[in-house]
Amino acid sequence: MSLFMVVVIGFAVIDADYSFYIKLVSPPVLILDVSVLLEVFAAALVVLIAIEIYTNVTLYLTADVIHVKLVVATALMAVARKVITLDTTDLEPLYFVGYSGLGLAFGVTYWLLWRGK
């Protein structure tokens, strides 16, 4: 499983690099607009989330314990990634309420776990 995650992370890095390169050399060359930057950031954040999941899997395989704090941190990072790269043009206000509720719930959960140590 760890080897599989390393391969997935490797492909995610290659994909992020490739898409950034393609966007950079497409006309107008060396100029990136906001939508392109959001795509690049989304790809980079996917790599970071994959690394967090790899850490979760590795810890579970070595310690046979699920580290709840790390899992909650990974979920919080995934929700943050979605909010950061969210295309707000076609969304209803209820989506924002849902995402803010998810972020708040994971944030409070992480804070409670951090306080409890």
C-alpha atoms as a PDB file:
ATOM      1  CA  MET A   1       0.000   0.000   0.000  1.00  0.00           C
ATOM      2  CA  SER A   2       2.833   2.395   0.822  1.00  0.00           C
ATOM      3  CA  LEU A   3       4.517   1.645  -2.495  1.00  0.00           C
ATOM      4  CA  PHE A   4       1.240   2.294  -4.305  1.00  0.00           C
ATOM      5  CA  MET A   5       0.904   5.662  -2.545  1.00  0.00           C
ATOM      6  CA  VAL A   6       4.471   6.598  -3.533  1.00  0.00           C
ATOM      7  CA  VAL A   7       3.621   5.825  -7.172  1.00  0.00           C
ATOM      8  CA  VAL A   8       0.414   7.884  -6.946  1.00  0.00           C
ATOM      9  CA  ILE A   9       2.319  10.809  -5.408  1.00  0.00           C
ATOM     10  CA  GLY A  10       4.944  10.541  -8.147  1.00  0.00           C
ATOM     11  CA  PHE A  11       2.297  10.673 -10.873  1.00  0.00           C
ATOM     12  CA  ALA A  12       0.558  13.571  -9.125  1.00  0.00           C
ATOM     13  CA  VAL A  13       3.815  15.538  -9.045  1.00  0.00           C
ATOM     14  CA  ILE A  14       4.467  14.780 -12.720  1.00  0.00           C
ATOM     15  CA  ASP A  15       0.900  15.822 -13.603  1.00  0.00           C
ATOM     16  CA  ALA A  16       1.180  19.070 -11.622  1.00  0.00           C
ATOM     17  CA  ASP A  17       4.520  19.893 -13.244  1.00  0.00           C
ATOM     18  CA  TYR A  18       3.271  19.034 -16.722  1.00  0.00           C
ATOM     19  CA  SER A  19       0.074  21.071 -16.424  1.00  0.00           C
ATOM     20  CA  PHE A  20       2.022  24.033 -15.066  1.00  0.00           C
ATOM     21  CA  TYR A  21       4.497  23.784 -17.952  1.00  0.00           C
ATOM     22  CA  ILE A  22       1.705  23.565 -20.553  1.00  0.00           C
ATOM     23  CA  LYS A  23      -0.069  26.588 -19.054  1.00  0.00           C
ATOM     24  CA  LEU A  24       3.206  28.511 -18.941  1.00  0.00           C
ATOM     25  CA  VAL A  25       4.153  27.962 -22.594  1.00  0.00           C
ATOM     26  CA  SER A  26       0.632  28.441 -23.996  1.00  0.00           C
ATOM     27  CA  PRO A  27      -0.056  31.825 -25.565  1.00  0.00           C
ATOM     28  CA  PRO A  28       0.342  34.349 -24.004  1.00  0.00           C
ATOM     29  CA  VAL A  29       3.682  32.860 -23.001  1.00  0.00           C
ATOM     30  CA  LEU A  30       4.831  33.262 -19.379  1.00  0.00           C
ATOM     31  CA  ILE A  31       1.584  34.992 -18.380  1.00  0.00           C
ATOM     32  CA  LEU A  32      -0.830  33.218 -16.059  1.00  0.00           C
ATOM     33  CA  ASP A  33      -4.293  34.510 -15.267  1.00  0.00           C
ATOM     34  CA  VAL A  34      -6.204  33.817 -12.076  1.00  0.00           C
ATOM     35  CA  SER A  35      -8.054  30.746 -13.370  1.00  0.00           C
ATOM     36  CA  VAL A  36      -4.789  29.134 -14.478  1.00  0.00           C
ATOM     37  CA  LEU A  37      -3.180  29.891 -11.131  1.00  0.00           C
ATOM     38  CA  LEU A  38      -6.120  28.257  -9.361  1.00  0.00           C
ATOM     39  CA  GLU A  39      -5.642  25.129 -11.493  1.00  0.00           C
ATOM     40  CA  VAL A  40      -1.931  25.040 -10.632  1.00  0.00           C
ATOM     41  CA  PHE A  41      -2.646  25.567  -6.940  1.00  0.00           C
ATOM     42  CA  ALA A  42      -5.274  22.812  -7.040  1.00  0.00           C
ATOM     43  CA  ALA A  43      -2.748  20.381  -8.520  1.00  0.00           C
ATOM     44  CA  ALA A  44      -0.134  21.329  -5.914  1.00  0.00           C
ATOM     45  CA  LEU A  45      -2.629  20.926  -3.084  1.00  0.00           C
ATOM     46  CA  VAL A  46      -3.639  17.506  -4.399  1.00  0.00           C
ATOM     47  CA  VAL A  47       0.014  16.468  -4.100  1.00  0.00           C
ATOM     48  CA  LEU A  48       0.116  17.718  -0.514  1.00  0.00           C
ATOM     49  CA  ILE A  49      -3.071  15.836   0.375  1.00  0.00           C
ATOM     50  CA  ALA A  50      -1.672  12.673  -1.227  1.00  0.00           C
ATOM     51  CA  ILE A  51       1.452  13.027   0.935  1.00  0.00           C
ATOM     52  CA  GLU A  52      -0.743  13.386   4.031  1.00  0.00           C
ATOM     53  CA  ILE A  53      -2.678  10.249   3.076  1.00  0.00           C
ATOM     54  CA  TYR A  54       0.631   8.438   2.543  1.00  0.00           C
ATOM     55  CA  THR A  55       1.641   9.471   6.058  1.00  0.00           C
ATOM     56  CA  ASN A  56      -1.677   8.150   7.406  1.00  0.00           C
ATOM     57  CA  VAL A  57      -1.231   4.810   5.635  1.00  0.00           C
ATOM     58  CA  THR A  58       2.396   4.475   6.733  1.00  0.00           C
ATOM     59  CA  LEU A  59       1.561   5.216  10.361  1.00  0.00           C
ATOM     60  CA  TYR A  60      -1.317   2.764  10.288  1.00  0.00           C
ATOM     61  CA  LEU A  61       0.817  -0.003   8.769  1.00  0.00           C
ATOM     62  CA  THR A  62       3.696   0.513  11.207  1.00  0.00           C
ATOM     63  CA  ALA A  63       1.823   1.249  14.440  1.00  0.00           C
ATOM     64  CA  ASP A  64      -1.508  -0.485  13.731  1.00  0.00           C
ATOM     65  CA  VAL A  65      -3.223   2.571  15.217  1.00  0.00           C
ATOM     66  CA  ILE A  66      -5.311   5.186  13.473  1.00  0.00           C
ATOM     67  CA  HIS A  67      -3.973   8.602  14.439  1.00  0.00           C
ATOM     68  CA  VAL A  68      -7.217  10.544  14.617  1.00  0.00           C
ATOM     69  CA  LYS A  69      -5.499  13.926  14.818  1.00  0.00           C
ATOM     70  CA  LEU A  70      -3.623  13.293  11.576  1.00  0.00           C
ATOM     71  CA  VAL A  71      -6.757  12.020   9.826  1.00  0.00           C
ATOM     72  CA  VAL A  72      -8.713  15.102  10.919  1.00  0.00           C
ATOM     73  CA  ALA A  73      -5.837  17.352   9.782  1.00  0.00           C
ATOM     74  CA  THR A  74      -5.885  15.634   6.377  1.00  0.00           C
ATOM     75  CA  ALA A  75      -9.655  16.106   6.094  1.00  0.00           C
ATOM     76  CA  LEU A  76      -9.314  19.765   7.093  1.00  0.00           C
ATOM     77  CA  MET A  77      -6.644  20.218   4.438  1.00  0.00           C
ATOM     78  CA  ALA A  78      -8.870  18.589   1.803  1.00  0.00           C
ATOM     79  CA  VAL A  79     -11.781  20.888   2.681  1.00  0.00           C
ATOM     80  CA  ALA A  80      -9.448  23.904   2.610  1.00  0.00           C
ATOM     81  CA  ARG A  81      -8.176  22.828  -0.824  1.00  0.00           C
ATOM     82  CA  LYS A  82     -11.728  22.646  -2.107  1.00  0.00           C
ATOM     83  CA  VAL A  83     -12.580  26.076  -0.712  1.00  0.00           C
ATOM     84  CA  ILE A  84      -9.393  27.648  -2.089  1.00  0.00           C
ATOM     85  CA  THR A  85      -9.989  26.317  -5.595  1.00  0.00           C
ATOM     86  CA  LEU A  86     -13.783  26.701  -5.570  1.00  0.00           C
ATOM     87  CA  ASP A  87     -15.311  28.179  -8.714  1.00  0.00           C
ATOM     88  CA  THR A  88     -17.946  30.496  -7.278  1.00  0.00           C
ATOM     89  CA  THR A  89     -19.614  31.512 -10.533  1.00  0.00           C
ATOM     90  CA  ASP A  90     -22.322  28.841 -10.626  1.00  0.00           C
ATOM     91  CA  LEU A  91     -22.800  27.988  -6.948  1.00  0.00           C
ATOM     92  CA  GLU A  92     -25.815  28.631  -4.777  1.00  0.00           C
ATOM     93  CA  PRO A  93     -25.336  30.188  -1.329  1.00  0.00           C
ATOM     94  CA  LEU A  94     -26.133  26.883   0.381  1.00  0.00           C
ATOM     95  CA  TYR A  95     -22.857  25.430  -0.923  1.00  0.00           C
ATOM     96  CA  PHE A  96     -20.943  28.127   0.947  1.00  0.00           C
ATOM     97  CA  VAL A  97     -22.855  27.319   4.115  1.00  0.00           C
ATOM     98  CA  GLY A  98     -21.990  23.640   3.691  1.00  0.00           C
ATOM     99  CA  TYR A  99     -18.294  24.219   3.079  1.00  0.00           C
ATOM    100  CA  SER A 100     -18.057  26.654   5.975  1.00  0.00           C
ATOM    101  CA  GLY A 101     -19.820  24.121   8.215  1.00  0.00           C
ATOM    102  CA  LEU A 102     -17.373  21.408   7.171  1.00  0.00           C
ATOM    103  CA  GLY A 103     -14.380  23.669   7.742  1.00  0.00           C
ATOM    104  CA  LEU A 104     -15.695  24.768  11.126  1.00  0.00           C
ATOM    105  CA  ALA A 105     -16.480  21.199  12.204  1.00  0.00           C
ATOM    106  CA  PHE A 106     -13.041  19.863  11.233  1.00  0.00           C
ATOM    107  CA  GLY A 107     -11.328  22.936  12.698  1.00  0.00           C
ATOM    108  CA  VAL A 108     -13.096  22.599  16.047  1.00  0.00           C
ATOM    109  CA  THR A 109     -12.433  18.854  16.085  1.00  0.00           C
ATOM    110  CA  TYR A 110      -8.737  19.400  15.407  1.00  0.00           C
ATOM    111  CA  TRP A 111      -8.582  22.106  18.088  1.00  0.00           C
ATOM    112  CA  LEU A 112     -10.251  19.802  20.626  1.00  0.00           C
ATOM    113  CA  LEU A 113      -7.848  16.983  19.777  1.00  0.00           C
ATOM    114  CA  TRP A 114      -4.877  19.354  20.023  1.00  0.00           C
ATOM    115  CA  ARG A 115      -6.074  20.637  23.413  1.00  0.00           C
ATOM    116  CA  GLY A 116      -6.559  17.120  24.734  1.00  0.00           C
ATOM    117  CA  LYS A 117      -3.138  15.918  23.517  1.00  0.00           C
END
